[in-house]
Amino acid sequence: MTDLKSKIDALLNHSSNWKEERKKLHQIILGCGLDEDVKWGKLCYTYKKSNVAMIYGLKDHCAIGFFKGALIKDKSTILQKPGDNSQAMRWVKFKNIEEISKLEPLLKDYLKEAIDIENSGLKIEFKEKNTLVFPEEFNQKLKEMPELKKAFNALTPGRQRGYNLYFSGAKQAKTRLARIEKCISPILDGKGLNDR
């Protein structure tokens, strides 16, 4: 058994509340011709090495997420933003296998559209992509540590944005500084906020 196959099997057979639901989504996605991988500890599906979809098993639901979901024509209005700051990702949440089965034809249509989006080369135009406004504490730390500035600039725009949202989300300067200090090592290692 290959290492990737064992990782996939472990995720599919994990004793969580969403075992059967994840297996059903896995079957639907593979039926659309996507390649399977494990990224960020989750089942990730790619087309020509580009991320297309991901399966999530969360506390109150499981979900299929579309990396460029904002570009999908959501004619049935089933796609939701995972969070207020989500610009590209959209997902469909489920509470049981019956809900997945009911939407299976629609999910296949959305997956085919997601593949078409990859084939067309369409990109998400991120707001704030080049206009991130960092808290003063982070600007100061970047001035003090040139190696931190170099490592931060080497991160993907999404990772930079994630850190900026995390730092800026603190109301007090002391909390912002504590968050920044905690993140110096992962930034120097080239990792995003939630990377392991």
C-alpha atoms as a PDB file:
ATOM      1  CA  MET A   1       0.000   0.000   0.000  1.00  0.00           C
ATOM      2  CA  THR A   2       1.444   3.371  -0.988  1.00  0.00           C
ATOM      3  CA  ASP A   3       1.933   6.080   1.582  1.00  0.00           C
ATOM      4  CA  LEU A   4      -0.673   8.309  -0.116  1.00  0.00           C
ATOM      5  CA  LYS A   5      -3.198   5.476  -0.315  1.00  0.00           C
ATOM      6  CA  SER A   6      -2.726   4.699   3.373  1.00  0.00           C
ATOM      7  CA  LYS A   7      -3.268   8.387   4.251  1.00  0.00           C
ATOM      8  CA  ILE A   8      -6.426   8.505   2.132  1.00  0.00           C
ATOM      9  CA  ASP A   9      -7.745   5.278   3.660  1.00  0.00           C
ATOM     10  CA  ALA A  10      -7.000   6.571   7.157  1.00  0.00           C
ATOM     11  CA  LEU A  11      -9.016   9.746   6.500  1.00  0.00           C
ATOM     12  CA  LEU A  12     -11.909   7.856   4.907  1.00  0.00           C
ATOM     13  CA  ASN A  13     -12.070   5.306   7.705  1.00  0.00           C
ATOM     14  CA  HIS A  14     -11.453   7.705  10.587  1.00  0.00           C
ATOM     15  CA  SER A  15     -14.027   7.072  13.274  1.00  0.00           C
ATOM     16  CA  SER A  16     -15.698  10.456  13.094  1.00  0.00           C
ATOM     17  CA  ASN A  17     -19.342  11.368  12.756  1.00  0.00           C
ATOM     18  CA  TRP A  18     -18.987  11.884   9.002  1.00  0.00           C
ATOM     19  CA  LYS A  19     -17.431   8.614   7.845  1.00  0.00           C
ATOM     20  CA  GLU A  20     -20.164   7.548   5.398  1.00  0.00           C
ATOM     21  CA  GLU A  21     -20.738  11.098   4.204  1.00  0.00           C
ATOM     22  CA  ARG A  22     -17.031  11.561   3.416  1.00  0.00           C
ATOM     23  CA  LYS A  23     -16.976   8.244   1.563  1.00  0.00           C
ATOM     24  CA  LYS A  24     -19.983   9.296  -0.531  1.00  0.00           C
ATOM     25  CA  LEU A  25     -18.408  12.668  -1.408  1.00  0.00           C
ATOM     26  CA  HIS A  26     -15.120  10.886  -2.196  1.00  0.00           C
ATOM     27  CA  GLN A  27     -16.955   8.565  -4.623  1.00  0.00           C
ATOM     28  CA  ILE A  28     -18.755  11.471  -6.341  1.00  0.00           C
ATOM     29  CA  ILE A  29     -15.585  13.533  -6.742  1.00  0.00           C
ATOM     30  CA  LEU A  30     -13.459  10.672  -8.087  1.00  0.00           C
ATOM     31  CA  GLY A  31     -16.269   9.914 -10.559  1.00  0.00           C
ATOM     32  CA  CYS A  32     -15.644  13.347 -12.086  1.00  0.00           C
ATOM     33  CA  GLY A  33     -12.043  12.513 -13.011  1.00  0.00           C
ATOM     34  CA  LEU A  34     -10.155  14.436 -10.353  1.00  0.00           C
ATOM     35  CA  ASP A  35      -6.932  13.220  -8.744  1.00  0.00           C
ATOM     36  CA  GLU A  36      -6.899  12.600  -5.004  1.00  0.00           C
ATOM     37  CA  ASP A  37      -4.327  13.815  -2.502  1.00  0.00           C
ATOM     38  CA  VAL A  38      -4.039  14.654   1.181  1.00  0.00           C
ATOM     39  CA  LYS A  39      -3.300  18.305   1.940  1.00  0.00           C
ATOM     40  CA  TRP A  40      -3.672  20.178   5.203  1.00  0.00           C
ATOM     41  CA  GLY A  41      -4.806  16.911   6.804  1.00  0.00           C
ATOM     42  CA  LYS A  42      -7.853  16.677   4.514  1.00  0.00           C
ATOM     43  CA  LEU A  43      -8.854  14.897   1.319  1.00  0.00           C
ATOM     44  CA  CYS A  44      -7.993  17.247  -1.537  1.00  0.00           C
ATOM     45  CA  TYR A  45      -8.904  16.796  -5.197  1.00  0.00           C
ATOM     46  CA  THR A  46      -6.879  18.282  -8.022  1.00  0.00           C
ATOM     47  CA  TYR A  47      -7.012  18.731 -11.773  1.00  0.00           C
ATOM     48  CA  LYS A  48      -3.660  19.047 -13.551  1.00  0.00           C
ATOM     49  CA  LYS A  49      -2.099  19.647 -10.123  1.00  0.00           C
ATOM     50  CA  SER A  50      -4.417  22.590  -9.341  1.00  0.00           C
ATOM     51  CA  ASN A  51      -6.588  22.351  -6.229  1.00  0.00           C
ATOM     52  CA  VAL A  52     -10.263  22.033  -7.167  1.00  0.00           C
ATOM     53  CA  ALA A  53     -12.168  20.584  -4.195  1.00  0.00           C
ATOM     54  CA  MET A  54     -11.718  19.436  -0.616  1.00  0.00           C
ATOM     55  CA  ILE A  55     -13.768  17.352   1.814  1.00  0.00           C
ATOM     56  CA  TYR A  56     -14.251  18.699   5.319  1.00  0.00           C
ATOM     57  CA  GLY A  57     -15.470  16.773   8.368  1.00  0.00           C
ATOM     58  CA  LEU A  58     -16.368  19.404  10.932  1.00  0.00           C
ATOM     59  CA  LYS A  59     -18.190  19.386  14.259  1.00  0.00           C
ATOM     60  CA  ASP A  60     -21.747  20.074  13.082  1.00  0.00           C
ATOM     61  CA  HIS A  61     -21.514  19.084   9.432  1.00  0.00           C
ATOM     62  CA  CYS A  62     -19.351  17.763   6.656  1.00  0.00           C
ATOM     63  CA  ALA A  63     -18.768  19.743   3.488  1.00  0.00           C
ATOM     64  CA  ILE A  64     -17.352  19.775   0.020  1.00  0.00           C
ATOM     65  CA  GLY A  65     -15.378  22.943  -0.634  1.00  0.00           C
ATOM     66  CA  PHE A  66     -14.551  24.412  -4.045  1.00  0.00           C
ATOM     67  CA  PHE A  67     -11.273  26.341  -4.111  1.00  0.00           C
ATOM     68  CA  LYS A  68     -12.544  28.705  -6.844  1.00  0.00           C
ATOM     69  CA  GLY A  69     -16.167  28.409  -5.808  1.00  0.00           C
ATOM     70  CA  ALA A  70     -16.715  32.150  -6.188  1.00  0.00           C
ATOM     71  CA  LEU A  71     -16.382  31.633  -9.957  1.00  0.00           C
ATOM     72  CA  ILE A  72     -18.973  28.839 -10.132  1.00  0.00           C
ATOM     73  CA  LYS A  73     -22.382  29.918 -11.414  1.00  0.00           C
ATOM     74  CA  ASP A  74     -24.359  28.876  -8.359  1.00  0.00           C
ATOM     75  CA  LYS A  75     -27.719  28.514 -10.126  1.00  0.00           C
ATOM     76  CA  SER A  76     -29.206  26.555  -7.208  1.00  0.00           C
ATOM     77  CA  THR A  77     -27.725  28.843  -4.522  1.00  0.00           C
ATOM     78  CA  ILE A  78     -26.232  26.003  -2.502  1.00  0.00           C
ATOM     79  CA  LEU A  79     -22.727  27.439  -2.160  1.00  0.00           C
ATOM     80  CA  GLN A  80     -21.784  29.335   0.996  1.00  0.00           C
ATOM     81  CA  LYS A  81     -18.739  31.290   2.113  1.00  0.00           C
ATOM     82  CA  PRO A  82     -16.887  29.374   4.851  1.00  0.00           C
ATOM     83  CA  GLY A  83     -16.188  32.661   6.643  1.00  0.00           C
ATOM     84  CA  ASP A  84     -16.741  36.381   6.357  1.00  0.00           C
ATOM     85  CA  ASN A  85     -13.290  36.935   4.850  1.00  0.00           C
ATOM     86  CA  SER A  86     -13.482  34.119   2.289  1.00  0.00           C
ATOM     87  CA  GLN A  87     -12.970  35.425  -1.210  1.00  0.00           C
ATOM     88  CA  ALA A  88     -12.484  32.320  -3.349  1.00  0.00           C
ATOM     89  CA  MET A  89     -13.614  29.243  -1.408  1.00  0.00           C
ATOM     90  CA  ARG A  90     -17.259  28.207  -1.370  1.00  0.00           C
ATOM     91  CA  TRP A  91     -18.674  25.077   0.187  1.00  0.00           C
ATOM     92  CA  VAL A  92     -21.810  22.993   0.463  1.00  0.00           C
ATOM     93  CA  LYS A  93     -22.547  21.649   3.952  1.00  0.00           C
ATOM     94  CA  PHE A  94     -24.317  18.398   4.748  1.00  0.00           C
ATOM     95  CA  LYS A  95     -25.710  16.782   7.881  1.00  0.00           C
ATOM     96  CA  ASN A  96     -26.415  13.319   6.443  1.00  0.00           C
ATOM     97  CA  ILE A  97     -25.842  11.050   3.473  1.00  0.00           C
ATOM     98  CA  GLU A  98     -29.392  11.584   2.182  1.00  0.00           C
ATOM     99  CA  GLU A  99     -28.678  15.284   1.648  1.00  0.00           C
ATOM    100  CA  ILE A 100     -25.564  14.368  -0.360  1.00  0.00           C
ATOM    101  CA  SER A 101     -27.449  11.816  -2.470  1.00  0.00           C
ATOM    102  CA  LYS A 102     -30.196  14.340  -3.195  1.00  0.00           C
ATOM    103  CA  LEU A 103     -27.653  16.888  -4.466  1.00  0.00           C
ATOM    104  CA  GLU A 104     -25.363  14.395  -6.244  1.00  0.00           C
ATOM    105  CA  PRO A 105     -26.312  15.432  -9.817  1.00  0.00           C
ATOM    106  CA  LEU A 106     -25.869  19.098  -8.923  1.00  0.00           C
ATOM    107  CA  LEU A 107     -22.522  18.431  -7.196  1.00  0.00           C
ATOM    108  CA  LYS A 108     -21.303  16.660 -10.339  1.00  0.00           C
ATOM    109  CA  ASP A 109     -22.340  19.681 -12.427  1.00  0.00           C
ATOM    110  CA  TYR A 110     -20.472  22.008 -10.063  1.00  0.00           C
ATOM    111  CA  LEU A 111     -17.379  19.778 -10.140  1.00  0.00           C
ATOM    112  CA  LYS A 112     -17.439  19.759 -13.953  1.00  0.00           C
ATOM    113  CA  GLU A 113     -17.760  23.539 -13.941  1.00  0.00           C
ATOM    114  CA  ALA A 114     -14.823  23.768 -11.496  1.00  0.00           C
ATOM    115  CA  ILE A 115     -12.734  21.673 -13.932  1.00  0.00           C
ATOM    116  CA  ASP A 116     -13.807  23.951 -16.802  1.00  0.00           C
ATOM    117  CA  ILE A 117     -12.702  26.953 -14.740  1.00  0.00           C
ATOM    118  CA  GLU A 118      -9.251  25.353 -14.327  1.00  0.00           C
ATOM    119  CA  ASN A 119      -9.060  24.575 -18.053  1.00  0.00           C
ATOM    120  CA  SER A 120      -9.957  28.154 -18.930  1.00  0.00           C
ATOM    121  CA  GLY A 121      -7.233  29.564 -16.678  1.00  0.00           C
ATOM    122  CA  LEU A 122      -9.663  31.840 -14.824  1.00  0.00           C
ATOM    123  CA  LYS A 123      -8.250  33.332 -11.643  1.00  0.00           C
ATOM    124  CA  ILE A 124      -9.844  34.852  -8.570  1.00  0.00           C
ATOM    125  CA  GLU A 125      -9.229  38.584  -8.307  1.00  0.00           C
ATOM    126  CA  PHE A 126      -8.506  38.960  -4.615  1.00  0.00           C
ATOM    127  CA  LYS A 127      -9.427  42.203  -2.913  1.00  0.00           C
ATOM    128  CA  GLU A 128      -6.554  43.591  -0.892  1.00  0.00           C
ATOM    129  CA  LYS A 129      -4.184  41.362  -2.873  1.00  0.00           C
ATOM    130  CA  ASN A 130      -1.550  44.034  -3.098  1.00  0.00           C
ATOM    131  CA  THR A 131      -2.936  46.468  -0.559  1.00  0.00           C
ATOM    132  CA  LEU A 132      -2.666  44.725   2.799  1.00  0.00           C
ATOM    133  CA  VAL A 133      -2.530  47.227   5.634  1.00  0.00           C
ATOM    134  CA  PHE A 134      -0.514  45.724   8.459  1.00  0.00           C
ATOM    135  CA  PRO A 135      -0.782  46.704  12.107  1.00  0.00           C
ATOM    136  CA  GLU A 136       1.997  49.039  13.223  1.00  0.00           C
ATOM    137  CA  GLU A 137       3.425  46.345  15.534  1.00  0.00           C
ATOM    138  CA  PHE A 138       3.980  44.041  12.558  1.00  0.00           C
ATOM    139  CA  ASN A 139       5.492  46.822  10.424  1.00  0.00           C
ATOM    140  CA  GLN A 140       7.922  47.523  13.272  1.00  0.00           C
ATOM    141  CA  LYS A 141       8.850  43.830  13.565  1.00  0.00           C
ATOM    142  CA  LEU A 142       9.482  43.667   9.795  1.00  0.00           C
ATOM    143  CA  LYS A 143      11.857  46.657  10.104  1.00  0.00           C
ATOM    144  CA  GLU A 144      13.682  45.046  13.037  1.00  0.00           C
ATOM    145  CA  MET A 145      14.020  41.641  11.377  1.00  0.00           C
ATOM    146  CA  PRO A 146      14.956  41.747   7.652  1.00  0.00           C
ATOM    147  CA  GLU A 147      14.890  37.920   7.545  1.00  0.00           C
ATOM    148  CA  LEU A 148      11.253  38.006   8.720  1.00  0.00           C
ATOM    149  CA  LYS A 149      10.362  40.519   6.009  1.00  0.00           C
ATOM    150  CA  LYS A 150      12.029  38.353   3.354  1.00  0.00           C
ATOM    151  CA  ALA A 151      10.260  35.190   4.598  1.00  0.00           C
ATOM    152  CA  PHE A 152       6.888  36.958   4.844  1.00  0.00           C
ATOM    153  CA  ASN A 153       7.203  38.367   1.305  1.00  0.00           C
ATOM    154  CA  ALA A 154       7.955  34.841   0.041  1.00  0.00           C
ATOM    155  CA  LEU A 155       4.602  33.542   1.397  1.00  0.00           C
ATOM    156  CA  THR A 156       1.635  33.199  -0.925  1.00  0.00           C
ATOM    157  CA  PRO A 157      -0.798  36.138  -0.932  1.00  0.00           C
ATOM    158  CA  GLY A 158      -3.385  33.996   0.852  1.00  0.00           C
ATOM    159  CA  ARG A 159      -0.973  33.127   3.655  1.00  0.00           C
ATOM    160  CA  GLN A 160       0.054  36.765   4.002  1.00  0.00           C
ATOM    161  CA  ARG A 161      -3.588  37.772   4.177  1.00  0.00           C
ATOM    162  CA  GLY A 162      -4.314  35.075   6.770  1.00  0.00           C
ATOM    163  CA  TYR A 163      -1.574  36.373   9.047  1.00  0.00           C
ATOM    164  CA  ASN A 164      -2.698  39.955   8.530  1.00  0.00           C
ATOM    165  CA  LEU A 165      -6.289  39.110   9.475  1.00  0.00           C
ATOM    166  CA  TYR A 166      -5.047  37.266  12.567  1.00  0.00           C
ATOM    167  CA  PHE A 167      -2.778  40.112  13.684  1.00  0.00           C
ATOM    168  CA  SER A 168      -5.289  42.851  12.875  1.00  0.00           C
ATOM    169  CA  GLY A 169      -8.120  41.009  14.611  1.00  0.00           C
ATOM    170  CA  ALA A 170      -6.700  41.810  18.048  1.00  0.00           C
ATOM    171  CA  LYS A 171      -7.999  45.038  19.572  1.00  0.00           C
ATOM    172  CA  GLN A 172      -5.139  45.663  21.969  1.00  0.00           C
ATOM    173  CA  ALA A 173      -1.546  46.336  20.946  1.00  0.00           C
ATOM    174  CA  LYS A 174      -0.302  43.874  23.562  1.00  0.00           C
ATOM    175  CA  THR A 175      -2.399  41.077  22.041  1.00  0.00           C
ATOM    176  CA  ARG A 176      -1.319  41.978  18.499  1.00  0.00           C
ATOM    177  CA  LEU A 177       2.330  41.845  19.556  1.00  0.00           C
ATOM    178  CA  ALA A 178       1.842  38.488  21.312  1.00  0.00           C
ATOM    179  CA  ARG A 179       0.243  37.066  18.151  1.00  0.00           C
ATOM    180  CA  ILE A 180       3.078  38.384  16.002  1.00  0.00           C
ATOM    181  CA  GLU A 181       5.740  36.922  18.330  1.00  0.00           C
ATOM    182  CA  LYS A 182       3.988  33.543  18.259  1.00  0.00           C
ATOM    183  CA  CYS A 183       3.987  33.530  14.442  1.00  0.00           C
ATOM    184  CA  ILE A 184       7.596  34.541  13.758  1.00  0.00           C
ATOM    185  CA  SER A 185       8.908  30.966  13.695  1.00  0.00           C
ATOM    186  CA  PRO A 186       6.216  29.587  11.316  1.00  0.00           C
ATOM    187  CA  ILE A 187       6.690  32.562   8.974  1.00  0.00           C
ATOM    188  CA  LEU A 188      10.459  31.960   8.924  1.00  0.00           C
ATOM    189  CA  ASP A 189       9.710  28.317   8.114  1.00  0.00           C
ATOM    190  CA  GLY A 190       7.534  29.380   5.157  1.00  0.00           C
ATOM    191  CA  LYS A 191       4.310  28.173   6.747  1.00  0.00           C
ATOM    192  CA  GLY A 192       0.864  29.699   6.756  1.00  0.00           C
ATOM    193  CA  LEU A 193      -1.123  30.421   9.893  1.00  0.00           C
ATOM    194  CA  ASN A 194      -2.857  27.022   9.914  1.00  0.00           C
ATOM    195  CA  ASP A 195      -0.120  24.911   8.324  1.00  0.00           C
ATOM    196  CA  ARG A 196       1.365  22.142  10.419  1.00  0.00           C
END
